[in-house]
């Protein structure tokens, strides 16, 4: 059974779940995180982030995820539309006040901005 955010009180709890998920999915690595109100509650990792170099997976290792984030983002956006929490025809600034990309198409399959305006680059 997967832990909910309320269950993440013991540091390292997600390590075991990451290990189970990595083993069951047969992938090189899994990294899980739980956060609430902008605070990271726990991070868990298992496997190798880079098999060839032997880099151990952790919440601190950057992953090159490529275009899969577009599919994931589209799925989340459509779920929010289905729940009535978001309208596809509204500008991004409706939901992200102060965003420098207020009128950018939200669900196009294009790469992100090559030059970030004055806003800090996400980590």
PDB file of N, CA and C in Angstrom:
ATOM      1  N   UNK A   1       0.846  -1.176   0.000  1.00  0.00           N
ATOM      2  CA  UNK A   1       0.000   0.000   0.000  1.00  0.00           C
ATOM      3  C   UNK A   1       0.891   1.239   0.000  1.00  0.00           C
ATOM      4  N   UNK A   2       0.594   2.201  -0.853  1.00  0.00           N
ATOM      5  CA  UNK A   2       1.372   3.433  -0.937  1.00  0.00           C
ATOM      6  C   UNK A   2       1.041   4.339   0.231  1.00  0.00           C
ATOM      7  N   UNK A   3       2.057   5.042   0.696  1.00  0.00           N
ATOM      8  CA  UNK A   3       1.868   5.974   1.805  1.00  0.00           C
ATOM      9  C   UNK A   3       1.237   7.253   1.295  1.00  0.00           C
ATOM     10  N   UNK A   4       0.381   7.840   2.096  1.00  0.00           N
ATOM     11  CA  UNK A   4      -0.133   9.166   1.805  1.00  0.00           C
ATOM     12  C   UNK A   4       0.792  10.180   2.431  1.00  0.00           C
ATOM     13  N   UNK A   5       0.592  11.459   2.095  1.00  0.00           N
ATOM     14  CA  UNK A   5       1.446  12.508   2.647  1.00  0.00           C
ATOM     15  C   UNK A   5       1.365  12.511   4.170  1.00  0.00           C
ATOM     16  N   UNK A   6       0.190  12.238   4.737  1.00  0.00           N
ATOM     17  CA  UNK A   6       0.052  12.222   6.192  1.00  0.00           C
ATOM     18  C   UNK A   6       0.836  11.086   6.832  1.00  0.00           C
ATOM     19  N   UNK A   7       1.134  10.042   6.054  1.00  0.00           N
ATOM     20  CA  UNK A   7       1.874   8.900   6.587  1.00  0.00           C
ATOM     21  C   UNK A   7       3.382   9.133   6.605  1.00  0.00           C
ATOM     22  N   UNK A   8       3.850  10.178   5.937  1.00  0.00           N
ATOM     23  CA  UNK A   8       5.290  10.401   5.795  1.00  0.00           C
ATOM     24  C   UNK A   8       5.787  11.193   7.000  1.00  0.00           C
ATOM     25  N   UNK A   9       6.031  10.491   8.067  1.00  0.00           N
ATOM     26  CA  UNK A   9       6.524  11.131   9.280  1.00  0.00           C
ATOM     27  C   UNK A   9       7.852  10.544   9.726  1.00  0.00           C
ATOM     28  N   UNK A  10       8.171   9.378   9.255  1.00  0.00           N
ATOM     29  CA  UNK A  10       9.412   8.719   9.629  1.00  0.00           C
ATOM     30  C   UNK A  10      10.416   8.910   8.499  1.00  0.00           C
ATOM     31  N   UNK A  11      11.526   9.618   8.747  1.00  0.00           N
ATOM     32  CA  UNK A  11      12.515   9.802   7.686  1.00  0.00           C
ATOM     33  C   UNK A  11      12.954   8.459   7.114  1.00  0.00           C
ATOM     34  N   UNK A  12      13.053   8.382   5.812  1.00  0.00           N
ATOM     35  CA  UNK A  12      13.472   7.164   5.159  1.00  0.00           C
ATOM     36  C   UNK A  12      12.340   6.230   4.782  1.00  0.00           C
ATOM     37  N   UNK A  13      11.128   6.565   5.149  1.00  0.00           N
ATOM     38  CA  UNK A  13       9.995   5.689   4.825  1.00  0.00           C
ATOM     39  C   UNK A  13       9.871   5.491   3.316  1.00  0.00           C
ATOM     40  N   UNK A  14      10.132   6.556   2.557  1.00  0.00           N
ATOM     41  CA  UNK A  14       9.990   6.443   1.108  1.00  0.00           C
ATOM     42  C   UNK A  14      11.116   5.636   0.467  1.00  0.00           C
ATOM     43  N   UNK A  15      12.235   5.450   1.166  1.00  0.00           N
ATOM     44  CA  UNK A  15      13.308   4.616   0.609  1.00  0.00           C
ATOM     45  C   UNK A  15      12.814   3.197   0.348  1.00  0.00           C
ATOM     46  N   UNK A  16      12.097   2.651   1.296  1.00  0.00           N
ATOM     47  CA  UNK A  16      11.564   1.301   1.134  1.00  0.00           C
ATOM     48  C   UNK A  16      10.559   1.224  -0.008  1.00  0.00           C
ATOM     49  N   UNK A  17       9.717   2.237  -0.119  1.00  0.00           N
ATOM     50  CA  UNK A  17       8.735   2.247  -1.202  1.00  0.00           C
ATOM     51  C   UNK A  17       9.410   2.434  -2.551  1.00  0.00           C
ATOM     52  N   UNK A  18      10.469   3.238  -2.585  1.00  0.00           N
ATOM     53  CA  UNK A  18      11.221   3.418  -3.829  1.00  0.00           C
ATOM     54  C   UNK A  18      11.871   2.097  -4.230  1.00  0.00           C
ATOM     55  N   UNK A  19      12.422   1.390  -3.267  1.00  0.00           N
ATOM     56  CA  UNK A  19      13.061   0.097  -3.553  1.00  0.00           C
ATOM     57  C   UNK A  19      12.037  -0.909  -4.070  1.00  0.00           C
ATOM     58  N   UNK A  20      10.867  -0.946  -3.443  1.00  0.00           N
ATOM     59  CA  UNK A  20       9.810  -1.854  -3.902  1.00  0.00           C
ATOM     60  C   UNK A  20       9.375  -1.504  -5.323  1.00  0.00           C
ATOM     61  N   UNK A  21       9.173  -0.223  -5.576  1.00  0.00           N
ATOM     62  CA  UNK A  21       8.739   0.229  -6.895  1.00  0.00           C
ATOM     63  C   UNK A  21       9.792  -0.051  -7.963  1.00  0.00           C
ATOM     64  N   UNK A  22      11.051   0.172  -7.604  1.00  0.00           N
ATOM     65  CA  UNK A  22      12.143  -0.078  -8.554  1.00  0.00           C
ATOM     66  C   UNK A  22      12.218  -1.564  -8.892  1.00  0.00           C
ATOM     67  N   UNK A  23      12.112  -2.395  -7.897  1.00  0.00           N
ATOM     68  CA  UNK A  23      12.159  -3.843  -8.112  1.00  0.00           C
ATOM     69  C   UNK A  23      10.959  -4.306  -8.941  1.00  0.00           C
ATOM     70  N   UNK A  24       9.763  -3.853  -8.583  1.00  0.00           N
ATOM     71  CA  UNK A  24       8.549  -4.288  -9.274  1.00  0.00           C
ATOM     72  C   UNK A  24       8.476  -3.768 -10.706  1.00  0.00           C
ATOM     73  N   UNK A  25       9.005  -2.582 -10.946  1.00  0.00           N
ATOM     74  CA  UNK A  25       8.934  -1.969 -12.276  1.00  0.00           C
ATOM     75  C   UNK A  25      10.107  -2.363 -13.161  1.00  0.00           C
ATOM     76  N   UNK A  26      11.135  -2.912 -12.544  1.00  0.00           N
ATOM     77  CA  UNK A  26      12.341  -3.327 -13.272  1.00  0.00           C
ATOM     78  C   UNK A  26      12.947  -2.150 -14.048  1.00  0.00           C
ATOM     79  N   UNK A  27      13.119  -1.033 -13.362  1.00  0.00           N
ATOM     80  CA  UNK A  27      13.759   0.146 -13.939  1.00  0.00           C
ATOM     81  C   UNK A  27      15.063   0.405 -13.189  1.00  0.00           C
ATOM     82  N   UNK A  28      16.005   1.157 -13.788  1.00  0.00           N
ATOM     83  CA  UNK A  28      17.293   1.392 -13.129  1.00  0.00           C
ATOM     84  C   UNK A  28      17.194   2.142 -11.810  1.00  0.00           C
ATOM     85  N   UNK A  29      16.230   3.086 -11.707  1.00  0.00           N
ATOM     86  CA  UNK A  29      16.113   3.833 -10.452  1.00  0.00           C
ATOM     87  C   UNK A  29      14.728   4.422 -10.296  1.00  0.00           C
ATOM     88  N   UNK A  30      14.402   4.717  -9.046  1.00  0.00           N
ATOM     89  CA  UNK A  30      13.147   5.383  -8.691  1.00  0.00           C
ATOM     90  C   UNK A  30      13.472   6.401  -7.614  1.00  0.00           C
ATOM     91  N   UNK A  31      12.923   7.604  -7.764  1.00  0.00           N
ATOM     92  CA  UNK A  31      13.037   8.638  -6.736  1.00  0.00           C
ATOM     93  C   UNK A  31      11.626   9.099  -6.409  1.00  0.00           C
ATOM     94  N   UNK A  32      11.283   9.127  -5.136  1.00  0.00           N
ATOM     95  CA  UNK A  32       9.970   9.563  -4.670  1.00  0.00           C
ATOM     96  C   UNK A  32      10.138  10.748  -3.732  1.00  0.00           C
ATOM     97  N   UNK A  33       9.144  11.586  -3.689  1.00  0.00           N
ATOM     98  CA  UNK A  33       9.177  12.713  -2.765  1.00  0.00           C
ATOM     99  C   UNK A  33       7.795  13.007  -2.240  1.00  0.00           C
ATOM    100  N   UNK A  34       7.741  13.532  -1.046  1.00  0.00           N
ATOM    101  CA  UNK A  34       6.485  13.988  -0.450  1.00  0.00           C
ATOM    102  C   UNK A  34       6.712  15.395   0.062  1.00  0.00           C
ATOM    103  N   UNK A  35       5.783  16.279  -0.269  1.00  0.00           N
ATOM    104  CA  UNK A  35       5.905  17.668   0.152  1.00  0.00           C
ATOM    105  C   UNK A  35       4.539  18.195   0.557  1.00  0.00           C
ATOM    106  N   UNK A  36       4.549  19.199   1.406  1.00  0.00           N
ATOM    107  CA  UNK A  36       3.315  19.870   1.797  1.00  0.00           C
ATOM    108  C   UNK A  36       3.640  21.335   2.053  1.00  0.00           C
ATOM    109  N   UNK A  37       2.854  22.201   1.460  1.00  0.00           N
ATOM    110  CA  UNK A  37       2.971  23.647   1.668  1.00  0.00           C
ATOM    111  C   UNK A  37       4.392  24.142   1.416  1.00  0.00           C
ATOM    112  N   UNK A  38       5.017  23.611   0.371  1.00  0.00           N
ATOM    113  CA  UNK A  38       6.346  24.070   0.000  1.00  0.00           C
ATOM    114  C   UNK A  38       7.492  23.470   0.786  1.00  0.00           C
ATOM    115  N   UNK A  39       7.196  22.576   1.708  1.00  0.00           N
ATOM    116  CA  UNK A  39       8.248  21.938   2.500  1.00  0.00           C
ATOM    117  C   UNK A  39       8.363  20.469   2.130  1.00  0.00           C
ATOM    118  N   UNK A  40       9.579  20.019   1.891  1.00  0.00           N
ATOM    119  CA  UNK A  40       9.820  18.607   1.598  1.00  0.00           C
ATOM    120  C   UNK A  40       9.731  17.830   2.898  1.00  0.00           C
ATOM    121  N   UNK A  41       8.849  16.837   2.915  1.00  0.00           N
ATOM    122  CA  UNK A  41       8.684  16.004   4.106  1.00  0.00           C
ATOM    123  C   UNK A  41       9.627  14.817   4.089  1.00  0.00           C
ATOM    124  N   UNK A  42       9.833  14.251   2.914  1.00  0.00           N
ATOM    125  CA  UNK A  42      10.702  13.084   2.817  1.00  0.00           C
ATOM    126  C   UNK A  42      11.069  12.863   1.358  1.00  0.00           C
ATOM    127  N   UNK A  43      12.208  12.283   1.128  1.00  0.00           N
ATOM    128  CA  UNK A  43      12.669  11.839  -0.177  1.00  0.00           C
ATOM    129  C   UNK A  43      13.100  10.394  -0.035  1.00  0.00           C
ATOM    130  N   UNK A  44      12.832   9.609  -1.057  1.00  0.00           N
ATOM    131  CA  UNK A  44      13.274   8.228  -1.059  1.00  0.00           C
ATOM    132  C   UNK A  44      13.832   7.885  -2.419  1.00  0.00           C
ATOM    133  N   UNK A  45      14.816   7.028  -2.465  1.00  0.00           N
ATOM    134  CA  UNK A  45      15.436   6.658  -3.740  1.00  0.00           C
ATOM    135  C   UNK A  45      15.959   5.240  -3.667  1.00  0.00           C
ATOM    136  N   UNK A  46      16.037   4.639  -4.848  1.00  0.00           N
ATOM    137  CA  UNK A  46      16.591   3.292  -4.955  1.00  0.00           C
ATOM    138  C   UNK A  46      17.185   3.118  -6.345  1.00  0.00           C
ATOM    139  N   UNK A  47      18.249   2.360  -6.428  1.00  0.00           N
ATOM    140  CA  UNK A  47      18.847   2.028  -7.712  1.00  0.00           C
ATOM    141  C   UNK A  47      19.967   2.961  -8.122  1.00  0.00           C
ATOM    142  N   UNK A  48      20.239   2.961  -9.417  1.00  0.00           N
ATOM    143  CA  UNK A  48      21.322   3.754  -9.994  1.00  0.00           C
ATOM    144  C   UNK A  48      20.762   4.803 -10.942  1.00  0.00           C
ATOM    145  N   UNK A  49      21.068   6.067 -10.703  1.00  0.00           N
ATOM    146  CA  UNK A  49      20.634   7.151 -11.585  1.00  0.00           C
ATOM    147  C   UNK A  49      21.340   7.059 -12.928  1.00  0.00           C
ATOM    148  N   UNK A  50      22.578   6.598 -12.911  1.00  0.00           N
ATOM    149  CA  UNK A  50      23.359   6.397 -14.135  1.00  0.00           C
ATOM    150  C   UNK A  50      24.045   5.046 -13.995  1.00  0.00           C
ATOM    151  N   UNK A  51      23.514   4.067 -14.690  1.00  0.00           N
ATOM    152  CA  UNK A  51      24.022   2.703 -14.564  1.00  0.00           C
ATOM    153  C   UNK A  51      25.461   2.599 -15.049  1.00  0.00           C
ATOM    154  N   UNK A  52      25.767   3.271 -16.178  1.00  0.00           N
ATOM    155  CA  UNK A  52      27.113   3.176 -16.753  1.00  0.00           C
ATOM    156  C   UNK A  52      28.181   3.744 -15.818  1.00  0.00           C
ATOM    157  N   UNK A  53      27.868   4.837 -15.141  1.00  0.00           N
ATOM    158  CA  UNK A  53      28.844   5.458 -14.240  1.00  0.00           C
ATOM    159  C   UNK A  53      28.660   5.035 -12.791  1.00  0.00           C
ATOM    160  N   UNK A  54      27.617   4.279 -12.515  1.00  0.00           N
ATOM    161  CA  UNK A  54      27.393   3.797 -11.156  1.00  0.00           C
ATOM    162  C   UNK A  54      26.874   4.848 -10.199  1.00  0.00           C
ATOM    163  N   UNK A  55      26.313   5.922 -10.705  1.00  0.00           N
ATOM    164  CA  UNK A  55      25.796   7.004  -9.859  1.00  0.00           C
ATOM    165  C   UNK A  55      24.551   6.528  -9.108  1.00  0.00           C
ATOM    166  N   UNK A  56      24.602   6.582  -7.797  1.00  0.00           N
ATOM    167  CA  UNK A  56      23.502   6.126  -6.956  1.00  0.00           C
ATOM    168  C   UNK A  56      22.352   7.131  -7.027  1.00  0.00           C
ATOM    169  N   UNK A  57      21.133   6.639  -7.127  1.00  0.00           N
ATOM    170  CA  UNK A  57      19.947   7.492  -7.154  1.00  0.00           C
ATOM    171  C   UNK A  57      19.753   8.183  -5.813  1.00  0.00           C
ATOM    172  N   UNK A  58      19.352   9.440  -5.866  1.00  0.00           N
ATOM    173  CA  UNK A  58      18.990  10.195  -4.663  1.00  0.00           C
ATOM    174  C   UNK A  58      18.122  11.368  -5.071  1.00  0.00           C
ATOM    175  N   UNK A  59      17.561  12.017  -4.107  1.00  0.00           N
ATOM    176  CA  UNK A  59      16.759  13.204  -4.375  1.00  0.00           C
ATOM    177  C   UNK A  59      17.590  14.396  -4.795  1.00  0.00           C
ATOM    178  N   UNK A  60      18.895  14.267  -4.751  1.00  0.00           N
ATOM    179  CA  UNK A  60      19.789  15.361  -5.111  1.00  0.00           C
ATOM    180  C   UNK A  60      20.393  15.204  -6.510  1.00  0.00           C
ATOM    181  N   UNK A  61      20.171  14.076  -7.143  1.00  0.00           N
ATOM    182  CA  UNK A  61      20.750  13.807  -8.456  1.00  0.00           C
ATOM    183  C   UNK A  61      19.805  14.311  -9.540  1.00  0.00           C
ATOM    184  N   UNK A  62      20.278  15.190 -10.423  1.00  0.00           N
ATOM    185  CA  UNK A  62      19.405  15.654 -11.512  1.00  0.00           C
ATOM    186  C   UNK A  62      19.226  14.555 -12.558  1.00  0.00           C
ATOM    187  N   UNK A  63      18.010  14.406 -13.027  1.00  0.00           N
ATOM    188  CA  UNK A  63      17.693  13.433 -14.066  1.00  0.00           C
ATOM    189  C   UNK A  63      17.397  14.164 -15.368  1.00  0.00           C
ATOM    190  N   UNK A  64      17.832  13.604 -16.466  1.00  0.00           N
ATOM    191  CA  UNK A  64      17.488  14.127 -17.783  1.00  0.00           C
ATOM    192  C   UNK A  64      16.223  13.403 -18.215  1.00  0.00           C
ATOM    193  N   UNK A  65      15.091  14.029 -17.989  1.00  0.00           N
ATOM    194  CA  UNK A  65      13.825  13.359 -18.250  1.00  0.00           C
ATOM    195  C   UNK A  65      13.275  13.634 -19.639  1.00  0.00           C
ATOM    196  N   UNK A  66      13.804  14.624 -20.328  1.00  0.00           N
ATOM    197  CA  UNK A  66      13.381  14.886 -21.700  1.00  0.00           C
ATOM    198  C   UNK A  66      11.912  15.220 -21.817  1.00  0.00           C
ATOM    199  N   UNK A  67      11.317  14.780 -22.891  1.00  0.00           N
ATOM    200  CA  UNK A  67       9.952  15.176 -23.231  1.00  0.00           C
ATOM    201  C   UNK A  67       8.867  14.445 -22.464  1.00  0.00           C
ATOM    202  N   UNK A  68       9.195  13.493 -21.630  1.00  0.00           N
ATOM    203  CA  UNK A  68       8.160  12.786 -20.875  1.00  0.00           C
ATOM    204  C   UNK A  68       7.396  13.741 -19.966  1.00  0.00           C
ATOM    205  N   UNK A  69       8.023  14.840 -19.564  1.00  0.00           N
ATOM    206  CA  UNK A  69       7.331  15.800 -18.697  1.00  0.00           C
ATOM    207  C   UNK A  69       6.143  16.428 -19.408  1.00  0.00           C
ATOM    208  N   UNK A  70       6.182  16.528 -20.735  1.00  0.00           N
ATOM    209  CA  UNK A  70       5.048  17.091 -21.478  1.00  0.00           C
ATOM    210  C   UNK A  70       3.829  16.182 -21.349  1.00  0.00           C
ATOM    211  N   UNK A  71       4.040  14.897 -21.470  1.00  0.00           N
ATOM    212  CA  UNK A  71       2.939  13.946 -21.352  1.00  0.00           C
ATOM    213  C   UNK A  71       2.390  13.950 -19.931  1.00  0.00           C
ATOM    214  N   UNK A  72       3.279  13.936 -18.957  1.00  0.00           N
ATOM    215  CA  UNK A  72       2.859  13.952 -17.555  1.00  0.00           C
ATOM    216  C   UNK A  72       2.074  15.223 -17.248  1.00  0.00           C
ATOM    217  N   UNK A  73       2.591  16.363 -17.688  1.00  0.00           N
ATOM    218  CA  UNK A  73       1.926  17.641 -17.436  1.00  0.00           C
ATOM    219  C   UNK A  73       0.551  17.673 -18.097  1.00  0.00           C
ATOM    220  N   UNK A  74       0.460  17.201 -19.336  1.00  0.00           N
ATOM    221  CA  UNK A  74      -0.829  17.174 -20.028  1.00  0.00           C
ATOM    222  C   UNK A  74      -1.833  16.306 -19.279  1.00  0.00           C
ATOM    223  N   UNK A  75      -1.395  15.169 -18.762  1.00  0.00           N
ATOM    224  CA  UNK A  75      -2.294  14.287 -18.010  1.00  0.00           C
ATOM    225  C   UNK A  75      -2.786  14.966 -16.733  1.00  0.00           C
ATOM    226  N   UNK A  76      -1.901  15.654 -16.038  1.00  0.00           N
ATOM    227  CA  UNK A  76      -2.288  16.361 -14.811  1.00  0.00           C
ATOM    228  C   UNK A  76      -3.256  17.491 -15.143  1.00  0.00           C
ATOM    229  N   UNK A  77      -2.949  18.266 -16.184  1.00  0.00           N
ATOM    230  CA  UNK A  77      -3.816  19.377 -16.589  1.00  0.00           C
ATOM    231  C   UNK A  77      -5.207  18.857 -16.941  1.00  0.00           C
ATOM    232  N   UNK A  78      -5.287  17.795 -17.726  1.00  0.00           N
ATOM    233  CA  UNK A  78      -6.597  17.263 -18.113  1.00  0.00           C
ATOM    234  C   UNK A  78      -7.362  16.707 -16.912  1.00  0.00           C
ATOM    235  N   UNK A  79      -6.651  16.152 -15.943  1.00  0.00           N
ATOM    236  CA  UNK A  79      -7.309  15.727 -14.712  1.00  0.00           C
ATOM    237  C   UNK A  79      -7.895  16.903 -13.952  1.00  0.00           C
ATOM    238  N   UNK A  80      -7.159  18.015 -13.908  1.00  0.00           N
ATOM    239  CA  UNK A  80      -7.667  19.227 -13.252  1.00  0.00           C
ATOM    240  C   UNK A  80      -8.858  19.808 -14.002  1.00  0.00           C
ATOM    241  N   UNK A  81      -8.833  19.734 -15.336  1.00  0.00           N
ATOM    242  CA  UNK A  81      -9.975  20.180 -16.135  1.00  0.00           C
ATOM    243  C   UNK A  81     -11.186  19.313 -15.818  1.00  0.00           C
ATOM    244  N   UNK A  82     -10.982  18.008 -15.770  1.00  0.00           N
ATOM    245  CA  UNK A  82     -12.072  17.085 -15.472  1.00  0.00           C
ATOM    246  C   UNK A  82     -12.667  17.355 -14.092  1.00  0.00           C
ATOM    247  N   UNK A  83     -11.818  17.736 -13.133  1.00  0.00           N
ATOM    248  CA  UNK A  83     -12.289  18.035 -11.780  1.00  0.00           C
ATOM    249  C   UNK A  83     -12.900  19.427 -11.663  1.00  0.00           C
ATOM    250  N   UNK A  84     -12.815  20.222 -12.742  1.00  0.00           N
ATOM    251  CA  UNK A  84     -13.370  21.575 -12.720  1.00  0.00           C
ATOM    252  C   UNK A  84     -12.468  22.592 -12.049  1.00  0.00           C
ATOM    253  N   UNK A  85     -11.224  22.228 -11.797  1.00  0.00           N
ATOM    254  CA  UNK A  85     -10.295  23.126 -11.104  1.00  0.00           C
ATOM    255  C   UNK A  85      -9.516  24.015 -12.064  1.00  0.00           C
ATOM    256  N   UNK A  86      -9.617  23.766 -13.371  1.00  0.00           N
ATOM    257  CA  UNK A  86      -8.839  24.506 -14.351  1.00  0.00           C
ATOM    258  C   UNK A  86      -9.613  24.534 -15.662  1.00  0.00           C
ATOM    259  N   UNK A  87      -9.508  25.643 -16.392  1.00  0.00           N
ATOM    260  CA  UNK A  87     -10.130  25.760 -17.717  1.00  0.00           C
ATOM    261  C   UNK A  87      -9.029  25.898 -18.755  1.00  0.00           C
ATOM    262  N   UNK A  88      -9.096  25.098 -19.803  1.00  0.00           N
ATOM    263  CA  UNK A  88      -8.053  25.127 -20.825  1.00  0.00           C
ATOM    264  C   UNK A  88      -7.961  26.455 -21.554  1.00  0.00           C
ATOM    265  N   UNK A  89      -9.051  27.205 -21.612  1.00  0.00           N
ATOM    266  CA  UNK A  89      -9.020  28.461 -22.353  1.00  0.00           C
ATOM    267  C   UNK A  89      -8.633  29.660 -21.492  1.00  0.00           C
ATOM    268  N   UNK A  90      -8.268  29.433 -20.245  1.00  0.00           N
ATOM    269  CA  UNK A  90      -7.814  30.523 -19.373  1.00  0.00           C
ATOM    270  C   UNK A  90      -6.307  30.691 -19.499  1.00  0.00           C
ATOM    271  N   UNK A  91      -5.815  31.935 -19.403  1.00  0.00           N
ATOM    272  CA  UNK A  91      -4.358  32.135 -19.450  1.00  0.00           C
ATOM    273  C   UNK A  91      -3.692  31.552 -18.201  1.00  0.00           C
ATOM    274  N   UNK A  92      -2.448  31.150 -18.336  1.00  0.00           N
ATOM    275  CA  UNK A  92      -1.703  30.575 -17.213  1.00  0.00           C
ATOM    276  C   UNK A  92      -1.682  31.528 -16.023  1.00  0.00           C
ATOM    277  N   UNK A  93      -1.687  32.845 -16.293  1.00  0.00           N
ATOM    278  CA  UNK A  93      -1.625  33.829 -15.205  1.00  0.00           C
ATOM    279  C   UNK A  93      -2.854  33.762 -14.292  1.00  0.00           C
ATOM    280  N   UNK A  94      -3.937  33.148 -14.753  1.00  0.00           N
ATOM    281  CA  UNK A  94      -5.114  32.958 -13.911  1.00  0.00           C
ATOM    282  C   UNK A  94      -4.772  32.078 -12.715  1.00  0.00           C
ATOM    283  N   UNK A  95      -3.893  31.125 -12.919  1.00  0.00           N
ATOM    284  CA  UNK A  95      -3.559  30.144 -11.889  1.00  0.00           C
ATOM    285  C   UNK A  95      -2.169  30.361 -11.296  1.00  0.00           C
ATOM    286  N   UNK A  96      -1.312  31.034 -12.024  1.00  0.00           N
ATOM    287  CA  UNK A  96       0.057  31.287 -11.581  1.00  0.00           C
ATOM    288  C   UNK A  96       0.295  32.791 -11.597  1.00  0.00           C
ATOM    289  N   UNK A  97      -0.185  33.461 -10.584  1.00  0.00           N
ATOM    290  CA  UNK A  97      -0.079  34.917 -10.522  1.00  0.00           C
ATOM    291  C   UNK A  97       1.371  35.364 -10.649  1.00  0.00           C
ATOM    292  N   UNK A  98       1.580  36.344 -11.504  1.00  0.00           N
ATOM    293  CA  UNK A  98       2.908  36.901 -11.664  1.00  0.00           C
ATOM    294  C   UNK A  98       3.810  36.112 -12.589  1.00  0.00           C
ATOM    295  N   UNK A  99       3.302  35.043 -13.192  1.00  0.00           N
ATOM    296  CA  UNK A  99       4.152  34.262 -14.083  1.00  0.00           C
ATOM    297  C   UNK A  99       4.540  35.085 -15.304  1.00  0.00           C
ATOM    298  N   UNK A 100       5.792  35.002 -15.727  1.00  0.00           N
ATOM    299  CA  UNK A 100       6.195  35.752 -16.914  1.00  0.00           C
ATOM    300  C   UNK A 100       5.676  35.125 -18.200  1.00  0.00           C
ATOM    301  N   UNK A 101       5.016  33.979 -18.112  1.00  0.00           N
ATOM    302  CA  UNK A 101       4.514  33.279 -19.281  1.00  0.00           C
ATOM    303  C   UNK A 101       2.997  33.241 -19.274  1.00  0.00           C
ATOM    304  N   UNK A 102       2.365  34.307 -18.867  1.00  0.00           N
ATOM    305  CA  UNK A 102       0.918  34.358 -18.674  1.00  0.00           C
ATOM    306  C   UNK A 102       0.072  33.938 -19.841  1.00  0.00           C
ATOM    307  N   UNK A 103       0.500  34.197 -21.072  1.00  0.00           N
ATOM    308  CA  UNK A 103      -0.334  33.877 -22.219  1.00  0.00           C
ATOM    309  C   UNK A 103       0.222  32.729 -23.055  1.00  0.00           C
ATOM    310  N   UNK A 104       1.217  32.007 -22.549  1.00  0.00           N
ATOM    311  CA  UNK A 104       1.816  30.900 -23.286  1.00  0.00           C
ATOM    312  C   UNK A 104       0.803  29.767 -23.405  1.00  0.00           C
ATOM    313  N   UNK A 105       0.678  29.130 -24.585  1.00  0.00           N
ATOM    314  CA  UNK A 105      -0.218  27.964 -24.690  1.00  0.00           C
ATOM    315  C   UNK A 105       0.167  26.923 -23.655  1.00  0.00           C
ATOM    316  N   UNK A 106      -0.810  26.414 -22.933  1.00  0.00           N
ATOM    317  CA  UNK A 106      -0.531  25.539 -21.817  1.00  0.00           C
ATOM    318  C   UNK A 106      -0.304  24.083 -22.174  1.00  0.00           C
ATOM    319  N   UNK A 107      -0.852  23.626 -23.262  1.00  0.00           N
ATOM    320  CA  UNK A 107      -0.738  22.197 -23.525  1.00  0.00           C
ATOM    321  C   UNK A 107      -0.144  21.893 -24.897  1.00  0.00           C
ATOM    322  N   UNK A 108       0.644  22.801 -25.416  1.00  0.00           N
ATOM    323  CA  UNK A 108       1.285  22.513 -26.697  1.00  0.00           C
ATOM    324  C   UNK A 108       2.494  21.625 -26.471  1.00  0.00           C
ATOM    325  N   UNK A 109       2.828  20.831 -27.457  1.00  0.00           N
ATOM    326  CA  UNK A 109       4.002  19.967 -27.362  1.00  0.00           C
ATOM    327  C   UNK A 109       5.204  20.698 -27.936  1.00  0.00           C
ATOM    328  N   UNK A 110       5.663  21.679 -27.205  1.00  0.00           N
ATOM    329  CA  UNK A 110       6.851  22.424 -27.613  1.00  0.00           C
ATOM    330  C   UNK A 110       7.780  22.494 -26.416  1.00  0.00           C
ATOM    331  N   UNK A 111       9.026  22.743 -26.683  1.00  0.00           N
ATOM    332  CA  UNK A 111       9.984  22.806 -25.577  1.00  0.00           C
ATOM    333  C   UNK A 111       9.741  24.064 -24.759  1.00  0.00           C
ATOM    334  N   UNK A 112      10.297  24.086 -23.586  1.00  0.00           N
ATOM    335  CA  UNK A 112      10.144  25.230 -22.709  1.00  0.00           C
ATOM    336  C   UNK A 112      10.895  26.438 -23.208  1.00  0.00           C
ATOM    337  N   UNK A 113      10.775  27.528 -22.506  1.00  0.00           N
ATOM    338  CA  UNK A 113      11.445  28.752 -22.934  1.00  0.00           C
ATOM    339  C   UNK A 113      12.960  28.595 -22.928  1.00  0.00           C
ATOM    340  N   UNK A 114      13.609  29.158 -23.923  1.00  0.00           N
ATOM    341  CA  UNK A 114      15.063  29.076 -23.968  1.00  0.00           C
ATOM    342  C   UNK A 114      15.706  30.189 -23.159  1.00  0.00           C
ATOM    343  N   UNK A 115      14.955  31.226 -22.897  1.00  0.00           N
ATOM    344  CA  UNK A 115      15.459  32.342 -22.094  1.00  0.00           C
ATOM    345  C   UNK A 115      14.418  32.651 -21.032  1.00  0.00           C
ATOM    346  N   UNK A 116      14.792  32.440 -19.801  1.00  0.00           N
ATOM    347  CA  UNK A 116      13.845  32.688 -18.716  1.00  0.00           C
ATOM    348  C   UNK A 116      13.857  34.166 -18.400  1.00  0.00           C
ATOM    349  N   UNK A 117      12.684  34.816 -18.419  1.00  0.00           N
ATOM    350  CA  UNK A 117      12.635  36.226 -18.017  1.00  0.00           C
ATOM    351  C   UNK A 117      13.096  36.379 -16.572  1.00  0.00           C
ATOM    352  N   UNK A 118      12.800  37.445 -15.958  1.00  0.00           N
ATOM    353  CA  UNK A 118      13.333  37.766 -14.637  1.00  0.00           C
ATOM    354  C   UNK A 118      13.000  36.736 -13.556  1.00  0.00           C
ATOM    355  N   UNK A 119      12.065  35.827 -13.817  1.00  0.00           N
ATOM    356  CA  UNK A 119      11.724  34.816 -12.824  1.00  0.00           C
ATOM    357  C   UNK A 119      12.880  33.841 -12.663  1.00  0.00           C
ATOM    358  N   UNK A 120      13.102  33.330 -11.449  1.00  0.00           N
ATOM    359  CA  UNK A 120      14.179  32.356 -11.258  1.00  0.00           C
ATOM    360  C   UNK A 120      13.878  31.063 -11.997  1.00  0.00           C
ATOM    361  N   UNK A 121      14.901  30.425 -12.467  1.00  0.00           N
ATOM    362  CA  UNK A 121      14.776  29.153 -13.183  1.00  0.00           C
ATOM    363  C   UNK A 121      14.389  28.065 -12.190  1.00  0.00           C
ATOM    364  N   UNK A 122      13.374  27.235 -12.528  1.00  0.00           N
ATOM    365  CA  UNK A 122      12.982  26.172 -11.598  1.00  0.00           C
ATOM    366  C   UNK A 122      14.099  25.174 -11.382  1.00  0.00           C
ATOM    367  N   UNK A 123      14.072  24.546 -10.220  1.00  0.00           N
ATOM    368  CA  UNK A 123      15.098  23.551  -9.894  1.00  0.00           C
ATOM    369  C   UNK A 123      14.545  22.175 -10.007  1.00  0.00           C
TER     370      UNK A 123
END
